Every structure is written in C-alpha cells, then in structure tokens.
C-alpha cells in the first residue's frame, strides 16, 4: 500500500462509520498499522487474524477487550491450543518464533 502510494481518503469516501479492518494471513508490520491509522482512520480497530482453511476456523486473532500492538497478534482464539517455539525447539512467550 505504502510502496504503491495508495491513499483511500478523499471526497468520494466516507470512512467515518468504519470500525475495524482485519489483516489476515500473517502478522503485519508496524508500518502497515501506521498506514491504516494515517490514511484510513485514527481510531480504527486494526487487527490480525490467522486461520486454518482445513479446520474452517481461526487459530489466533483479535480480542476486543485487549490492546492492539502494531504488528502483533492479540491472542489465541477460543479452543485453540497454539504455542510458539524458537530455533532451539523451546516454547517461548513474548518473543518472535514459529507457531503451530
């Protein structure tokens, strides 16, 4: 979006009623969130959702009662036993790693 110069603001768009945008597939960078807050809406609930097509559900995603941190996934979704590991195979929390 940033590289392409996209800017959705303008006389033709009224985004005042927009409450949230879901970015899916993988964690987005803090720059993506900055772009959303700058060009779409400052008080937008921008959040991430990562799902599993095979199970027709989401693994991790958004929780309205938790704060949003740019580029981070908020929480495991209900009923999901999701964990993150580092390169040494150790389970980690509040660090970057691989999840499954």
Protein backbone atom coordinates (compact mmCIF):
# COMPACT_ATOMS: atom_id res chain seq x y z
CA UNK A 1 0.00 0.00 0.00
CA UNK A 2 2.73 2.40 1.00
CA UNK A 3 5.02 1.42 -1.87
CA UNK A 4 2.15 1.76 -4.34
CA UNK A 5 1.19 5.15 -2.96
CA UNK A 6 -2.37 4.09 -2.09
CA UNK A 7 -4.37 6.63 -0.12
CA UNK A 8 -8.09 5.88 0.37
CA UNK A 9 -9.01 9.31 1.71
CA UNK A 10 -10.87 11.68 -0.49
CA UNK A 11 -14.15 13.40 -1.21
CA UNK A 12 -15.66 10.18 -2.56
CA UNK A 13 -15.07 8.11 0.58
CA UNK A 14 -16.80 8.50 3.92
CA UNK A 15 -14.97 6.20 6.34
CA UNK A 16 -16.50 7.68 9.50
CA UNK A 17 -18.61 4.59 10.23
CA UNK A 18 -15.76 2.12 9.64
CA UNK A 19 -14.87 0.45 12.95
CA UNK A 20 -12.35 -2.26 12.11
CA UNK A 21 -10.14 -3.79 9.45
CA UNK A 22 -8.83 -7.33 9.58
CA UNK A 23 -5.39 -8.04 8.13
CA UNK A 24 -5.17 -11.78 7.61
CA UNK A 25 -2.63 -14.42 6.77
CA UNK A 26 0.32 -13.38 8.91
CA UNK A 27 1.39 -10.64 11.27
CA UNK A 28 1.65 -7.32 9.50
CA UNK A 29 4.42 -4.88 10.11
CA UNK A 30 4.04 -1.83 12.34
CA UNK A 31 4.30 0.18 9.11
CA UNK A 32 1.06 -1.40 7.87
CA UNK A 33 -0.73 -0.30 11.02
CA UNK A 34 0.77 3.20 10.75
CA UNK A 35 -0.55 3.40 7.18
CA UNK A 36 -4.04 2.29 8.27
CA UNK A 37 -4.16 4.84 11.10
CA UNK A 38 -2.82 7.63 8.89
CA UNK A 39 -4.78 7.09 5.69
CA UNK A 40 -7.90 5.21 6.77
CA UNK A 41 -8.90 6.25 10.29
CA UNK A 42 -7.08 7.12 13.52
CA UNK A 43 -9.46 5.31 15.88
CA UNK A 44 -9.71 2.18 13.73
CA UNK A 45 -9.54 -1.25 15.34
CA UNK A 46 -6.89 -2.74 13.09
CA UNK A 47 -6.22 -6.35 13.97
CA UNK A 48 -4.75 -9.57 12.66
CA UNK A 49 -6.43 -12.91 12.08
CA UNK A 50 -4.65 -16.12 11.18
CA UNK A 51 -6.78 -19.14 10.43
CA UNK A 52 -6.75 -22.62 9.16
CA UNK A 53 -8.62 -23.34 5.97
CA UNK A 54 -8.50 -27.02 6.82
CA UNK A 55 -10.39 -26.56 10.09
CA UNK A 56 -12.66 -23.70 8.91
CA UNK A 57 -11.67 -21.59 11.89
CA UNK A 58 -9.11 -19.20 13.24
CA UNK A 59 -6.08 -20.08 15.34
CA UNK A 60 -5.11 -16.66 16.62
CA UNK A 61 -6.73 -13.28 16.20
CA UNK A 62 -8.49 -10.32 17.68
CA UNK A 63 -10.00 -9.80 21.12
CA UNK A 64 -11.95 -6.53 21.55
CA UNK A 65 -11.07 -6.22 25.24
CA UNK A 66 -7.28 -6.41 24.69
CA UNK A 67 -5.00 -3.61 23.48
CA UNK A 68 -3.68 -3.62 19.91
CA UNK A 69 0.07 -3.52 19.39
CA UNK A 70 1.13 -2.83 15.81
CA UNK A 71 2.46 -5.93 14.11
CA UNK A 72 1.44 -8.30 16.90
CA UNK A 73 -1.32 -10.87 17.16
CA UNK A 74 -3.58 -10.27 20.16
CA UNK A 75 -4.36 -13.77 21.43
CA UNK A 76 -5.16 -17.40 20.79
CA UNK A 77 -8.78 -17.81 19.82
CA UNK A 78 -11.19 -19.81 21.94
CA UNK A 79 -10.45 -23.51 21.97
CA UNK A 80 -7.10 -23.21 20.19
CA UNK A 81 -4.00 -24.78 21.74
CA UNK A 82 -1.42 -22.68 19.88
CA UNK A 83 2.20 -22.33 21.01
CA UNK A 84 5.37 -20.64 19.71
CA UNK A 85 8.87 -22.13 19.57
CA UNK A 86 12.32 -20.67 18.96
CA UNK A 87 15.01 -22.18 16.70
CA UNK A 88 16.15 -24.46 19.54
CA UNK A 89 12.68 -26.01 19.86
CA UNK A 90 11.93 -24.26 23.17
CA UNK A 91 8.47 -22.90 23.80
CA UNK A 92 8.58 -19.10 24.13
CA UNK A 93 6.29 -16.20 25.07
CA UNK A 94 6.66 -12.53 24.07
CA UNK A 95 9.37 -13.38 21.53
CA UNK A 96 9.48 -13.94 17.78
CA UNK A 97 9.30 -17.59 16.77
CA UNK A 98 7.40 -20.21 14.77
CA UNK A 99 3.91 -21.15 15.85
CA UNK A 100 1.85 -24.32 15.34
